[in-house]
């Protein structure tokens, strides 16, 4: 759409300070949002954007789980203070093996998603 055409052309023709005040960051965000709405009208772009957002959320979830497991390993498994308060298994060695297997099992799908992203 040509909703912001006046501001853009006015800024390009005479980039004075008074025009820059009109063309602030807020206006730039509206222009970006207008471009996103225009691009998302195309089904292929919209579908690919949703896939990328979903993939990124899976990576965020993996990061969160990795941080929680890191805190758990340091605070409970490697410390003698909370040895009786283990969450997963009551044996430290079994808990470490379980966490290692869990970490590898979580890492494999993420690696495949990365590989698929690079391939396309």
PDB file of N, CA and C in Angstrom:
ATOM      1  N   UNK A   1       0.840  -1.182   0.000  1.00  0.00           N
ATOM      2  CA  UNK A   1       0.000   0.000   0.000  1.00  0.00           C
ATOM      3  C   UNK A   1       0.884   1.245   0.000  1.00  0.00           C
ATOM      4  N   UNK A   2       0.305   2.346  -0.315  1.00  0.00           N
ATOM      5  CA  UNK A   2       1.031   3.621  -0.352  1.00  0.00           C
ATOM      6  C   UNK A   2       0.723   4.468   0.872  1.00  0.00           C
ATOM      7  N   UNK A   3       0.490   3.816   1.960  1.00  0.00           N
ATOM      8  CA  UNK A   3       0.085   4.510   3.176  1.00  0.00           C
ATOM      9  C   UNK A   3       1.161   5.480   3.674  1.00  0.00           C
ATOM     10  N   UNK A   4       2.426   5.121   3.539  1.00  0.00           N
ATOM     11  CA  UNK A   4       3.519   5.943   4.052  1.00  0.00           C
ATOM     12  C   UNK A   4       4.357   6.569   2.930  1.00  0.00           C
ATOM     13  N   UNK A   5       3.833   6.585   1.739  1.00  0.00           N
ATOM     14  CA  UNK A   5       4.582   7.107   0.605  1.00  0.00           C
ATOM     15  C   UNK A   5       4.957   8.576   0.796  1.00  0.00           C
ATOM     16  N   UNK A   6       4.043   9.365   1.331  1.00  0.00           N
ATOM     17  CA  UNK A   6       4.309  10.793   1.520  1.00  0.00           C
ATOM     18  C   UNK A   6       5.504  11.009   2.448  1.00  0.00           C
ATOM     19  N   UNK A   7       5.540  10.323   3.584  1.00  0.00           N
ATOM     20  CA  UNK A   7       6.647  10.497   4.529  1.00  0.00           C
ATOM     21  C   UNK A   7       7.977  10.025   3.941  1.00  0.00           C
ATOM     22  N   UNK A   8       7.948   8.922   3.225  1.00  0.00           N
ATOM     23  CA  UNK A   8       9.188   8.385   2.661  1.00  0.00           C
ATOM     24  C   UNK A   8       9.739   9.318   1.591  1.00  0.00           C
ATOM     25  N   UNK A   9       8.898   9.737   0.667  1.00  0.00           N
ATOM     26  CA  UNK A   9       9.378  10.615  -0.408  1.00  0.00           C
ATOM     27  C   UNK A   9       9.794  11.973   0.137  1.00  0.00           C
ATOM     28  N   UNK A  10       9.098  12.482   1.130  1.00  0.00           N
ATOM     29  CA  UNK A  10       9.469  13.756   1.734  1.00  0.00           C
ATOM     30  C   UNK A  10      10.837  13.640   2.403  1.00  0.00           C
ATOM     31  N   UNK A  11      11.108  12.520   3.054  1.00  0.00           N
ATOM     32  CA  UNK A  11      12.395  12.319   3.719  1.00  0.00           C
ATOM     33  C   UNK A  11      13.517  12.139   2.702  1.00  0.00           C
ATOM     34  N   UNK A  12      13.255  11.474   1.608  1.00  0.00           N
ATOM     35  CA  UNK A  12      14.293  11.243   0.592  1.00  0.00           C
ATOM     36  C   UNK A  12      14.629  12.539  -0.137  1.00  0.00           C
ATOM     37  N   UNK A  13      13.609  13.353  -0.453  1.00  0.00           N
ATOM     38  CA  UNK A  13      13.854  14.576  -1.214  1.00  0.00           C
ATOM     39  C   UNK A  13      14.591  15.636  -0.401  1.00  0.00           C
ATOM     40  N   UNK A  14      14.246  15.783   0.859  1.00  0.00           N
ATOM     41  CA  UNK A  14      14.907  16.813   1.680  1.00  0.00           C
ATOM     42  C   UNK A  14      15.137  16.258   3.090  1.00  0.00           C
ATOM     43  N   UNK A  15      16.273  15.619   3.310  1.00  0.00           N
ATOM     44  CA  UNK A  15      16.537  15.011   4.619  1.00  0.00           C
ATOM     45  C   UNK A  15      16.999  16.028   5.658  1.00  0.00           C
ATOM     46  N   UNK A  16      16.178  17.063   5.903  1.00  0.00           N
ATOM     47  CA  UNK A  16      16.491  18.037   6.950  1.00  0.00           C
ATOM     48  C   UNK A  16      16.101  17.467   8.309  1.00  0.00           C
ATOM     49  N   UNK A  17      16.546  18.137   9.335  1.00  0.00           N
ATOM     50  CA  UNK A  17      16.281  17.664  10.702  1.00  0.00           C
ATOM     51  C   UNK A  17      14.785  17.651  11.012  1.00  0.00           C
ATOM     52  N   UNK A  18      14.042  18.629  10.515  1.00  0.00           N
ATOM     53  CA  UNK A  18      12.608  18.680  10.797  1.00  0.00           C
ATOM     54  C   UNK A  18      11.889  17.484  10.163  1.00  0.00           C
ATOM     55  N   UNK A  19      12.352  17.069   8.967  1.00  0.00           N
ATOM     56  CA  UNK A  19      11.752  15.905   8.328  1.00  0.00           C
ATOM     57  C   UNK A  19      12.148  14.616   9.036  1.00  0.00           C
ATOM     58  N   UNK A  20      13.344  14.600   9.599  1.00  0.00           N
ATOM     59  CA  UNK A  20      13.782  13.405  10.318  1.00  0.00           C
ATOM     60  C   UNK A  20      12.944  13.177  11.565  1.00  0.00           C
ATOM     61  N   UNK A  21      12.471  14.263  12.177  1.00  0.00           N
ATOM     62  CA  UNK A  21      11.621  14.108  13.350  1.00  0.00           C
ATOM     63  C   UNK A  21      10.309  13.411  12.991  1.00  0.00           C
ATOM     64  N   UNK A  22       9.780  13.719  11.814  1.00  0.00           N
ATOM     65  CA  UNK A  22       8.562  13.040  11.374  1.00  0.00           C
ATOM     66  C   UNK A  22       8.832  11.568  11.058  1.00  0.00           C
ATOM     67  N   UNK A  23      10.009  11.309  10.546  1.00  0.00           N
ATOM     68  CA  UNK A  23      10.375   9.962  10.104  1.00  0.00           C
ATOM     69  C   UNK A  23      11.139   9.261  11.234  1.00  0.00           C
ATOM     70  N   UNK A  24      10.518   9.111  12.348  1.00  0.00           N
ATOM     71  CA  UNK A  24      11.189   8.543  13.511  1.00  0.00           C
ATOM     72  C   UNK A  24      11.085   7.015  13.511  1.00  0.00           C
ATOM     73  N   UNK A  25      11.590   6.415  14.559  1.00  0.00           N
ATOM     74  CA  UNK A  25      11.600   4.949  14.655  1.00  0.00           C
ATOM     75  C   UNK A  25      10.182   4.375  14.662  1.00  0.00           C
ATOM     76  N   UNK A  26       9.252   5.105  15.253  1.00  0.00           N
ATOM     77  CA  UNK A  26       7.879   4.627  15.317  1.00  0.00           C
ATOM     78  C   UNK A  26       7.296   4.466  13.915  1.00  0.00           C
ATOM     79  N   UNK A  27       7.556   5.426  13.052  1.00  0.00           N
ATOM     80  CA  UNK A  27       7.083   5.356  11.672  1.00  0.00           C
ATOM     81  C   UNK A  27       7.758   4.206  10.936  1.00  0.00           C
ATOM     82  N   UNK A  28       9.042   3.991  11.207  1.00  0.00           N
ATOM     83  CA  UNK A  28       9.746   2.890  10.558  1.00  0.00           C
ATOM     84  C   UNK A  28       9.135   1.549  10.942  1.00  0.00           C
ATOM     85  N   UNK A  29       8.709   1.411  12.197  1.00  0.00           N
ATOM     86  CA  UNK A  29       8.063   0.163  12.613  1.00  0.00           C
ATOM     87  C   UNK A  29       6.729  -0.041  11.895  1.00  0.00           C
ATOM     88  N   UNK A  30       5.978   1.053  11.700  1.00  0.00           N
ATOM     89  CA  UNK A  30       4.726   0.932  10.957  1.00  0.00           C
ATOM     90  C   UNK A  30       4.975   0.525   9.510  1.00  0.00           C
ATOM     91  N   UNK A  31       6.043   1.055   8.915  1.00  0.00           N
ATOM     92  CA  UNK A  31       6.389   0.681   7.540  1.00  0.00           C
ATOM     93  C   UNK A  31       6.769  -0.802   7.491  1.00  0.00           C
ATOM     94  N   UNK A  32       7.558  -1.241   8.456  1.00  0.00           N
ATOM     95  CA  UNK A  32       7.924  -2.658   8.516  1.00  0.00           C
ATOM     96  C   UNK A  32       6.685  -3.536   8.683  1.00  0.00           C
ATOM     97  N   UNK A  33       5.762  -3.123   9.545  1.00  0.00           N
ATOM     98  CA  UNK A  33       4.536  -3.890   9.749  1.00  0.00           C
ATOM     99  C   UNK A  33       3.706  -3.921   8.460  1.00  0.00           C
ATOM    100  N   UNK A  34       3.641  -2.803   7.742  1.00  0.00           N
ATOM    101  CA  UNK A  34       2.921  -2.781   6.471  1.00  0.00           C
ATOM    102  C   UNK A  34       3.545  -3.726   5.457  1.00  0.00           C
ATOM    103  N   UNK A  35       4.883  -3.770   5.425  1.00  0.00           N
ATOM    104  CA  UNK A  35       5.564  -4.704   4.519  1.00  0.00           C
ATOM    105  C   UNK A  35       5.265  -6.150   4.911  1.00  0.00           C
ATOM    106  N   UNK A  36       5.272  -6.445   6.213  1.00  0.00           N
ATOM    107  CA  UNK A  36       4.981  -7.808   6.662  1.00  0.00           C
ATOM    108  C   UNK A  36       3.563  -8.206   6.273  1.00  0.00           C
ATOM    109  N   UNK A  37       2.600  -7.315   6.462  1.00  0.00           N
ATOM    110  CA  UNK A  37       1.218  -7.628   6.062  1.00  0.00           C
ATOM    111  C   UNK A  37       1.130  -7.883   4.562  1.00  0.00           C
ATOM    112  N   UNK A  38       1.855  -7.073   3.783  1.00  0.00           N
ATOM    113  CA  UNK A  38       1.855  -7.262   2.335  1.00  0.00           C
ATOM    114  C   UNK A  38       2.484  -8.601   1.956  1.00  0.00           C
ATOM    115  N   UNK A  39       3.611  -8.931   2.573  1.00  0.00           N
ATOM    116  CA  UNK A  39       4.307 -10.175   2.235  1.00  0.00           C
ATOM    117  C   UNK A  39       3.505 -11.395   2.670  1.00  0.00           C
ATOM    118  N   UNK A  40       2.823 -11.304   3.811  1.00  0.00           N
ATOM    119  CA  UNK A  40       2.084 -12.459   4.328  1.00  0.00           C
ATOM    120  C   UNK A  40       0.798 -12.743   3.554  1.00  0.00           C
ATOM    121  N   UNK A  41       0.444 -11.881   2.615  1.00  0.00           N
ATOM    122  CA  UNK A  41      -0.695 -12.186   1.748  1.00  0.00           C
ATOM    123  C   UNK A  41      -0.375 -13.347   0.821  1.00  0.00           C
ATOM    124  N   UNK A  42       0.911 -13.540   0.544  1.00  0.00           N
ATOM    125  CA  UNK A  42       1.362 -14.674  -0.252  1.00  0.00           C
ATOM    126  C   UNK A  42       1.384 -15.911   0.651  1.00  0.00           C
ATOM    127  N   UNK A  43       0.666 -16.963   0.276  1.00  0.00           N
ATOM    128  CA  UNK A  43       0.547 -18.151   1.125  1.00  0.00           C
ATOM    129  C   UNK A  43       1.885 -18.841   1.368  1.00  0.00           C
ATOM    130  N   UNK A  44       2.743 -18.871   0.373  1.00  0.00           N
ATOM    131  CA  UNK A  44       4.037 -19.532   0.536  1.00  0.00           C
ATOM    132  C   UNK A  44       4.896 -18.784   1.549  1.00  0.00           C
ATOM    133  N   UNK A  45       4.889 -17.457   1.499  1.00  0.00           N
ATOM    134  CA  UNK A  45       5.657 -16.658   2.452  1.00  0.00           C
ATOM    135  C   UNK A  45       5.093 -16.836   3.851  1.00  0.00           C
ATOM    136  N   UNK A  46       3.766 -16.803   3.980  1.00  0.00           N
ATOM    137  CA  UNK A  46       3.131 -16.959   5.287  1.00  0.00           C
ATOM    138  C   UNK A  46       3.445 -18.326   5.891  1.00  0.00           C
ATOM    139  N   UNK A  47       3.324 -19.369   5.084  1.00  0.00           N
ATOM    140  CA  UNK A  47       3.577 -20.733   5.563  1.00  0.00           C
ATOM    141  C   UNK A  47       5.039 -20.898   6.002  1.00  0.00           C
ATOM    142  N   UNK A  48       5.956 -20.365   5.211  1.00  0.00           N
ATOM    143  CA  UNK A  48       7.378 -20.462   5.554  1.00  0.00           C
ATOM    144  C   UNK A  48       7.684 -19.652   6.819  1.00  0.00           C
ATOM    145  N   UNK A  49       7.038 -18.494   6.973  1.00  0.00           N
ATOM    146  CA  UNK A  49       7.228 -17.688   8.184  1.00  0.00           C
ATOM    147  C   UNK A  49       6.742 -18.425   9.419  1.00  0.00           C
ATOM    148  N   UNK A  50       5.611 -19.094   9.302  1.00  0.00           N
ATOM    149  CA  UNK A  50       5.088 -19.871  10.438  1.00  0.00           C
ATOM    150  C   UNK A  50       6.030 -21.015  10.775  1.00  0.00           C
ATOM    151  N   UNK A  51       6.560 -21.685   9.755  1.00  0.00           N
ATOM    152  CA  UNK A  51       7.516 -22.770  10.001  1.00  0.00           C
ATOM    153  C   UNK A  51       8.760 -22.268  10.713  1.00  0.00           C
ATOM    154  N   UNK A  52       9.274 -21.137  10.287  1.00  0.00           N
ATOM    155  CA  UNK A  52      10.472 -20.581  10.905  1.00  0.00           C
ATOM    156  C   UNK A  52      10.191 -20.182  12.357  1.00  0.00           C
ATOM    157  N   UNK A  53       9.047 -19.553  12.599  1.00  0.00           N
ATOM    158  CA  UNK A  53       8.695 -19.172  13.980  1.00  0.00           C
ATOM    159  C   UNK A  53       8.549 -20.403  14.860  1.00  0.00           C
ATOM    160  N   UNK A  54       7.924 -21.457  14.344  1.00  0.00           N
ATOM    161  CA  UNK A  54       7.768 -22.693  15.107  1.00  0.00           C
ATOM    162  C   UNK A  54       9.129 -23.320  15.405  1.00  0.00           C
ATOM    163  N   UNK A  55      10.007 -23.341  14.418  1.00  0.00           N
ATOM    164  CA  UNK A  55      11.340 -23.903  14.610  1.00  0.00           C
ATOM    165  C   UNK A  55      12.121 -23.102  15.650  1.00  0.00           C
ATOM    166  N   UNK A  56      12.015 -21.790  15.569  1.00  0.00           N
ATOM    167  CA  UNK A  56      12.715 -20.944  16.535  1.00  0.00           C
ATOM    168  C   UNK A  56      12.188 -21.162  17.953  1.00  0.00           C
ATOM    169  N   UNK A  57      10.891 -21.383  18.088  1.00  0.00           N
ATOM    170  CA  UNK A  57      10.335 -21.645  19.419  1.00  0.00           C
ATOM    171  C   UNK A  57      10.812 -22.995  19.967  1.00  0.00           C
ATOM    172  N   UNK A  58      10.999 -23.956  19.088  1.00  0.00           N
ATOM    173  CA  UNK A  58      11.554 -25.248  19.531  1.00  0.00           C
ATOM    174  C   UNK A  58      12.978 -25.049  20.032  1.00  0.00           C
ATOM    175  N   UNK A  59      13.769 -24.238  19.330  1.00  0.00           N
ATOM    176  CA  UNK A  59      15.136 -23.948  19.780  1.00  0.00           C
ATOM    177  C   UNK A  59      15.117 -23.193  21.111  1.00  0.00           C
ATOM    178  N   UNK A  60      14.168 -22.272  21.296  1.00  0.00           N
ATOM    179  CA  UNK A  60      14.054 -21.557  22.569  1.00  0.00           C
ATOM    180  C   UNK A  60      13.702 -22.510  23.707  1.00  0.00           C
ATOM    181  N   UNK A  61      12.798 -23.438  23.442  1.00  0.00           N
ATOM    182  CA  UNK A  61      12.432 -24.433  24.453  1.00  0.00           C
ATOM    183  C   UNK A  61      13.638 -25.301  24.809  1.00  0.00           C
ATOM    184  N   UNK A  62      14.410 -25.682  23.806  1.00  0.00           N
ATOM    185  CA  UNK A  62      15.615 -26.477  24.056  1.00  0.00           C
ATOM    186  C   UNK A  62      16.607 -25.695  24.906  1.00  0.00           C
ATOM    187  N   UNK A  63      16.782 -24.417  24.618  1.00  0.00           N
ATOM    188  CA  UNK A  63      17.687 -23.591  25.404  1.00  0.00           C
ATOM    189  C   UNK A  63      17.221 -23.508  26.857  1.00  0.00           C
ATOM    190  N   UNK A  64      15.920 -23.319  27.052  1.00  0.00           N
ATOM    191  CA  UNK A  64      15.375 -23.234  28.409  1.00  0.00           C
ATOM    192  C   UNK A  64      15.587 -24.547  29.161  1.00  0.00           C
ATOM    193  N   UNK A  65      15.302 -25.671  28.513  1.00  0.00           N
ATOM    194  CA  UNK A  65      15.511 -26.966  29.161  1.00  0.00           C
ATOM    195  C   UNK A  65      16.981 -27.211  29.469  1.00  0.00           C
ATOM    196  N   UNK A  66      17.867 -26.799  28.571  1.00  0.00           N
ATOM    197  CA  UNK A  66      19.299 -26.959  28.799  1.00  0.00           C
ATOM    198  C   UNK A  66      19.755 -26.142  30.001  1.00  0.00           C
ATOM    199  N   UNK A  67      19.253 -24.926  30.125  1.00  0.00           N
ATOM    200  CA  UNK A  67      19.629 -24.105  31.275  1.00  0.00           C
ATOM    201  C   UNK A  67      19.101 -24.699  32.582  1.00  0.00           C
ATOM    202  N   UNK A  68      17.864 -25.182  32.575  1.00  0.00           N
ATOM    203  CA  UNK A  68      17.290 -25.791  33.779  1.00  0.00           C
ATOM    204  C   UNK A  68      18.064 -27.045  34.159  1.00  0.00           C
ATOM    205  N   UNK A  69      18.397 -27.857  33.175  1.00  0.00           N
ATOM    206  CA  UNK A  69      19.175 -29.066  33.475  1.00  0.00           C
ATOM    207  C   UNK A  69      20.576 -28.713  33.972  1.00  0.00           C
ATOM    208  N   UNK A  70      21.172 -27.649  33.446  1.00  0.00           N
ATOM    209  CA  UNK A  70      22.482 -27.217  33.927  1.00  0.00           C
ATOM    210  C   UNK A  70      22.434 -26.799  35.390  1.00  0.00           C
ATOM    211  N   UNK A  71      21.413 -26.054  35.751  1.00  0.00           N
ATOM    212  CA  UNK A  71      21.245 -25.653  37.151  1.00  0.00           C
ATOM    213  C   UNK A  71      21.013 -26.881  38.020  1.00  0.00           C
ATOM    214  N   UNK A  72      20.201 -27.818  37.538  1.00  0.00           N
ATOM    215  CA  UNK A  72      19.927 -29.037  38.292  1.00  0.00           C
ATOM    216  C   UNK A  72      21.208 -29.855  38.500  1.00  0.00           C
ATOM    217  N   UNK A  73      22.003 -29.959  37.457  1.00  0.00           N
ATOM    218  CA  UNK A  73      23.254 -30.727  37.563  1.00  0.00           C
ATOM    219  C   UNK A  73      24.186 -30.079  38.586  1.00  0.00           C
ATOM    220  N   UNK A  74      24.337 -28.769  38.509  1.00  0.00           N
ATOM    221  CA  UNK A  74      25.259 -28.090  39.422  1.00  0.00           C
ATOM    222  C   UNK A  74      24.726 -28.080  40.857  1.00  0.00           C
ATOM    223  N   UNK A  75      23.461 -27.742  41.029  1.00  0.00           N
ATOM    224  CA  UNK A  75      22.922 -27.595  42.382  1.00  0.00           C
ATOM    225  C   UNK A  75      22.634 -28.912  43.086  1.00  0.00           C
ATOM    226  N   UNK A  76      22.266 -29.943  42.349  1.00  0.00           N
ATOM    227  CA  UNK A  76      21.837 -31.178  42.997  1.00  0.00           C
ATOM    228  C   UNK A  76      22.803 -32.340  42.783  1.00  0.00           C
ATOM    229  N   UNK A  77      23.247 -32.538  41.547  1.00  0.00           N
ATOM    230  CA  UNK A  77      24.065 -33.725  41.277  1.00  0.00           C
ATOM    231  C   UNK A  77      25.526 -33.534  41.654  1.00  0.00           C
ATOM    232  N   UNK A  78      26.054 -32.348  41.459  1.00  0.00           N
ATOM    233  CA  UNK A  78      27.468 -32.129  41.767  1.00  0.00           C
ATOM    234  C   UNK A  78      27.687 -31.560  43.167  1.00  0.00           C
ATOM    235  N   UNK A  79      26.625 -31.298  43.873  1.00  0.00           N
ATOM    236  CA  UNK A  79      26.712 -30.743  45.218  1.00  0.00           C
ATOM    237  C   UNK A  79      26.352 -31.808  46.240  1.00  0.00           C
ATOM    238  N   UNK A  80      26.990 -31.743  47.383  1.00  0.00           N
ATOM    239  CA  UNK A  80      26.670 -32.684  48.460  1.00  0.00           C
ATOM    240  C   UNK A  80      25.546 -32.169  49.358  1.00  0.00           C
ATOM    241  N   UNK A  81      25.204 -30.907  49.249  1.00  0.00           N
ATOM    242  CA  UNK A  81      24.173 -30.320  50.113  1.00  0.00           C
ATOM    243  C   UNK A  81      22.789 -30.932  49.855  1.00  0.00           C
ATOM    244  N   UNK A  82      22.418 -31.014  48.584  1.00  0.00           N
ATOM    245  CA  UNK A  82      21.055 -31.432  48.217  1.00  0.00           C
ATOM    246  C   UNK A  82      21.031 -32.848  47.653  1.00  0.00           C
ATOM    247  N   UNK A  83      21.886 -33.701  48.109  1.00  0.00           N
ATOM    248  CA  UNK A  83      21.972 -35.056  47.550  1.00  0.00           C
ATOM    249  C   UNK A  83      20.696 -35.850  47.796  1.00  0.00           C
ATOM    250  N   UNK A  84      19.992 -35.564  48.862  1.00  0.00           N
ATOM    251  CA  UNK A  84      18.768 -36.325  49.167  1.00  0.00           C
ATOM    252  C   UNK A  84      17.546 -35.781  48.430  1.00  0.00           C
ATOM    253  N   UNK A  85      17.683 -34.635  47.754  1.00  0.00           N
ATOM    254  CA  UNK A  85      16.542 -34.006  47.088  1.00  0.00           C
ATOM    255  C   UNK A  85      16.587 -34.157  45.570  1.00  0.00           C
ATOM    256  N   UNK A  86      17.080 -35.239  45.061  1.00  0.00           N
ATOM    257  CA  UNK A  86      17.165 -35.436  43.613  1.00  0.00           C
ATOM    258  C   UNK A  86      15.768 -35.550  43.025  1.00  0.00           C
ATOM    259  N   UNK A  87      15.553 -34.925  41.871  1.00  0.00           N
ATOM    260  CA  UNK A  87      14.238 -34.898  41.241  1.00  0.00           C
ATOM    261  C   UNK A  87      13.966 -36.148  40.416  1.00  0.00           C
ATOM    262  N   UNK A  88      14.893 -36.518  39.559  1.00  0.00           N
ATOM    263  CA  UNK A  88      14.628 -37.535  38.546  1.00  0.00           C
ATOM    264  C   UNK A  88      14.787 -38.934  39.130  1.00  0.00           C
ATOM    265  N   UNK A  89      15.968 -39.278  39.484  1.00  0.00           N
ATOM    266  CA  UNK A  89      16.254 -40.569  40.109  1.00  0.00           C
ATOM    267  C   UNK A  89      16.988 -40.302  41.418  1.00  0.00           C
ATOM    268  N   UNK A  90      16.956 -41.233  42.312  1.00  0.00           N
ATOM    269  CA  UNK A  90      17.577 -41.021  43.624  1.00  0.00           C
ATOM    270  C   UNK A  90      19.073 -41.313  43.636  1.00  0.00           C
ATOM    271  N   UNK A  91      19.614 -41.816  42.536  1.00  0.00           N
ATOM    272  CA  UNK A  91      21.026 -42.121  42.419  1.00  0.00           C
ATOM    273  C   UNK A  91      21.669 -41.065  41.506  1.00  0.00           C
ATOM    274  N   UNK A  92      22.798 -40.492  41.933  1.00  0.00           N
ATOM    275  CA  UNK A  92      23.441 -39.437  41.148  1.00  0.00           C
ATOM    276  C   UNK A  92      23.935 -39.946  39.800  1.00  0.00           C
ATOM    277  N   UNK A  93      24.535 -41.115  39.803  1.00  0.00           N
ATOM    278  CA  UNK A  93      25.069 -41.653  38.545  1.00  0.00           C
ATOM    279  C   UNK A  93      23.943 -41.929  37.554  1.00  0.00           C
ATOM    280  N   UNK A  94      22.876 -42.546  38.005  1.00  0.00           N
ATOM    281  CA  UNK A  94      21.732 -42.819  37.121  1.00  0.00           C
ATOM    282  C   UNK A  94      21.110 -41.521  36.611  1.00  0.00           C
ATOM    283  N   UNK A  95      21.054 -40.519  37.467  1.00  0.00           N
ATOM    284  CA  UNK A  95      20.505 -39.229  37.052  1.00  0.00           C
ATOM    285  C   UNK A  95      21.369 -38.589  35.968  1.00  0.00           C
ATOM    286  N   UNK A  96      22.683 -38.643  36.136  1.00  0.00           N
ATOM    287  CA  UNK A  96      23.573 -38.073  35.117  1.00  0.00           C
ATOM    288  C   UNK A  96      23.454 -38.796  33.784  1.00  0.00           C
ATOM    289  N   UNK A  97      23.366 -40.125  33.824  1.00  0.00           N
ATOM    290  CA  UNK A  97      23.213 -40.904  32.582  1.00  0.00           C
ATOM    291  C   UNK A  97      21.884 -40.574  31.920  1.00  0.00           C
ATOM    292  N   UNK A  98      20.825 -40.464  32.706  1.00  0.00           N
ATOM    293  CA  UNK A  98      19.507 -40.132  32.165  1.00  0.00           C
ATOM    294  C   UNK A  98      19.512 -38.739  31.533  1.00  0.00           C
ATOM    295  N   UNK A  99      20.142 -37.790  32.193  1.00  0.00           N
ATOM    296  CA  UNK A  99      20.213 -36.429  31.648  1.00  0.00           C
ATOM    297  C   UNK A  99      21.046 -36.409  30.370  1.00  0.00           C
ATOM    298  N   UNK A 100      22.133 -37.163  30.325  1.00  0.00           N
ATOM    299  CA  UNK A 100      22.968 -37.224  29.118  1.00  0.00           C
ATOM    300  C   UNK A 100      22.173 -37.803  27.945  1.00  0.00           C
ATOM    301  N   UNK A 101      21.454 -38.876  28.181  1.00  0.00           N
ATOM    302  CA  UNK A 101      20.633 -39.487  27.114  1.00  0.00           C
ATOM    303  C   UNK A 101      19.532 -38.523  26.681  1.00  0.00           C
ATOM    304  N   UNK A 102      18.896 -37.882  27.642  1.00  0.00           N
ATOM    305  CA  UNK A 102      17.832 -36.917  27.351  1.00  0.00           C
ATOM    306  C   UNK A 102      18.374 -35.754  26.518  1.00  0.00           C
ATOM    307  N   UNK A 103      19.568 -35.265  26.862  1.00  0.00           N
ATOM    308  CA  UNK A 103      20.175 -34.158  26.132  1.00  0.00           C
ATOM    309  C   UNK A 103      20.487 -34.548  24.691  1.00  0.00           C
ATOM    310  N   UNK A 104      21.028 -35.729  24.497  1.00  0.00           N
ATOM    311  CA  UNK A 104      21.334 -36.192  23.137  1.00  0.00           C
ATOM    312  C   UNK A 104      20.046 -36.400  22.347  1.00  0.00           C
ATOM    313  N   UNK A 105      19.022 -36.960  22.979  1.00  0.00           N
ATOM    314  CA  UNK A 105      17.750 -37.177  22.285  1.00  0.00           C
ATOM    315  C   UNK A 105      17.080 -35.858  21.911  1.00  0.00           C
ATOM    316  N   UNK A 106      17.270 -34.821  22.718  1.00  0.00           N
ATOM    317  CA  UNK A 106      16.741 -33.500  22.362  1.00  0.00           C
ATOM    318  C   UNK A 106      17.572 -32.832  21.284  1.00  0.00           C
ATOM    319  N   UNK A 107      18.859 -33.102  21.286  1.00  0.00           N
ATOM    320  CA  UNK A 107      19.754 -32.449  20.347  1.00  0.00           C
ATOM    321  C   UNK A 107      19.571 -32.976  18.925  1.00  0.00           C
ATOM    322  N   UNK A 108      19.278 -34.248  18.768  1.00  0.00           N
ATOM    323  CA  UNK A 108      19.178 -34.841  17.426  1.00  0.00           C
ATOM    324  C   UNK A 108      18.099 -34.189  16.553  1.00  0.00           C
ATOM    325  N   UNK A 109      16.861 -34.023  17.023  1.00  0.00           N
ATOM    326  CA  UNK A 109      15.874 -33.350  16.161  1.00  0.00           C
ATOM    327  C   UNK A 109      16.257 -31.916  15.818  1.00  0.00           C
ATOM    328  N   UNK A 110      16.890 -31.225  16.761  1.00  0.00           N
ATOM    329  CA  UNK A 110      17.314 -29.855  16.477  1.00  0.00           C
ATOM    330  C   UNK A 110      18.407 -29.830  15.416  1.00  0.00           C
ATOM    331  N   UNK A 111      19.289 -30.792  15.484  1.00  0.00           N
ATOM    332  CA  UNK A 111      20.334 -30.898  14.459  1.00  0.00           C
ATOM    333  C   UNK A 111      19.705 -31.179  13.096  1.00  0.00           C
ATOM    334  N   UNK A 112      18.725 -32.040  13.044  1.00  0.00           N
ATOM    335  CA  UNK A 112      18.049 -32.327  11.775  1.00  0.00           C
ATOM    336  C   UNK A 112      17.314 -31.101  11.243  1.00  0.00           C
ATOM    337  N   UNK A 113      16.699 -30.314  12.142  1.00  0.00           N
ATOM    338  CA  UNK A 113      16.041 -29.083  11.701  1.00  0.00           C
ATOM    339  C   UNK A 113      17.057 -28.096  11.126  1.00  0.00           C
ATOM    340  N   UNK A 114      18.206 -27.971  11.772  1.00  0.00           N
ATOM    341  CA  UNK A 114      19.259 -27.106  11.240  1.00  0.00           C
ATOM    342  C   UNK A 114      19.764 -27.593   9.898  1.00  0.00           C
ATOM    343  N   UNK A 115      19.959 -28.891   9.785  1.00  0.00           N
ATOM    344  CA  UNK A 115      20.440 -29.471   8.534  1.00  0.00           C
ATOM    345  C   UNK A 115      19.443 -29.229   7.419  1.00  0.00           C
ATOM    346  N   UNK A 116      18.165 -29.375   7.724  1.00  0.00           N
ATOM    347  CA  UNK A 116      17.118 -29.159   6.727  1.00  0.00           C
ATOM    348  C   UNK A 116      17.067 -27.683   6.322  1.00  0.00           C
ATOM    349  N   UNK A 117      17.291 -26.785   7.274  1.00  0.00           N
ATOM    350  CA  UNK A 117      17.274 -25.354   6.962  1.00  0.00           C
ATOM    351  C   UNK A 117      18.422 -24.978   6.035  1.00  0.00           C
ATOM    352  N   UNK A 118      19.607 -25.538   6.279  1.00  0.00           N
ATOM    353  CA  UNK A 118      20.761 -25.245   5.444  1.00  0.00           C
ATOM    354  C   UNK A 118      20.588 -25.850   4.064  1.00  0.00           C
ATOM    355  N   UNK A 119      19.966 -27.009   4.006  1.00  0.00           N
ATOM    356  CA  UNK A 119      19.785 -27.706   2.738  1.00  0.00           C
ATOM    357  C   UNK A 119      18.841 -26.973   1.795  1.00  0.00           C
ATOM    358  N   UNK A 120      17.805 -26.298   2.336  1.00  0.00           N
ATOM    359  CA  UNK A 120      16.821 -25.629   1.475  1.00  0.00           C
ATOM    360  C   UNK A 120      17.212 -24.252   1.098  1.00  0.00           C
TER     361      UNK A 120
END
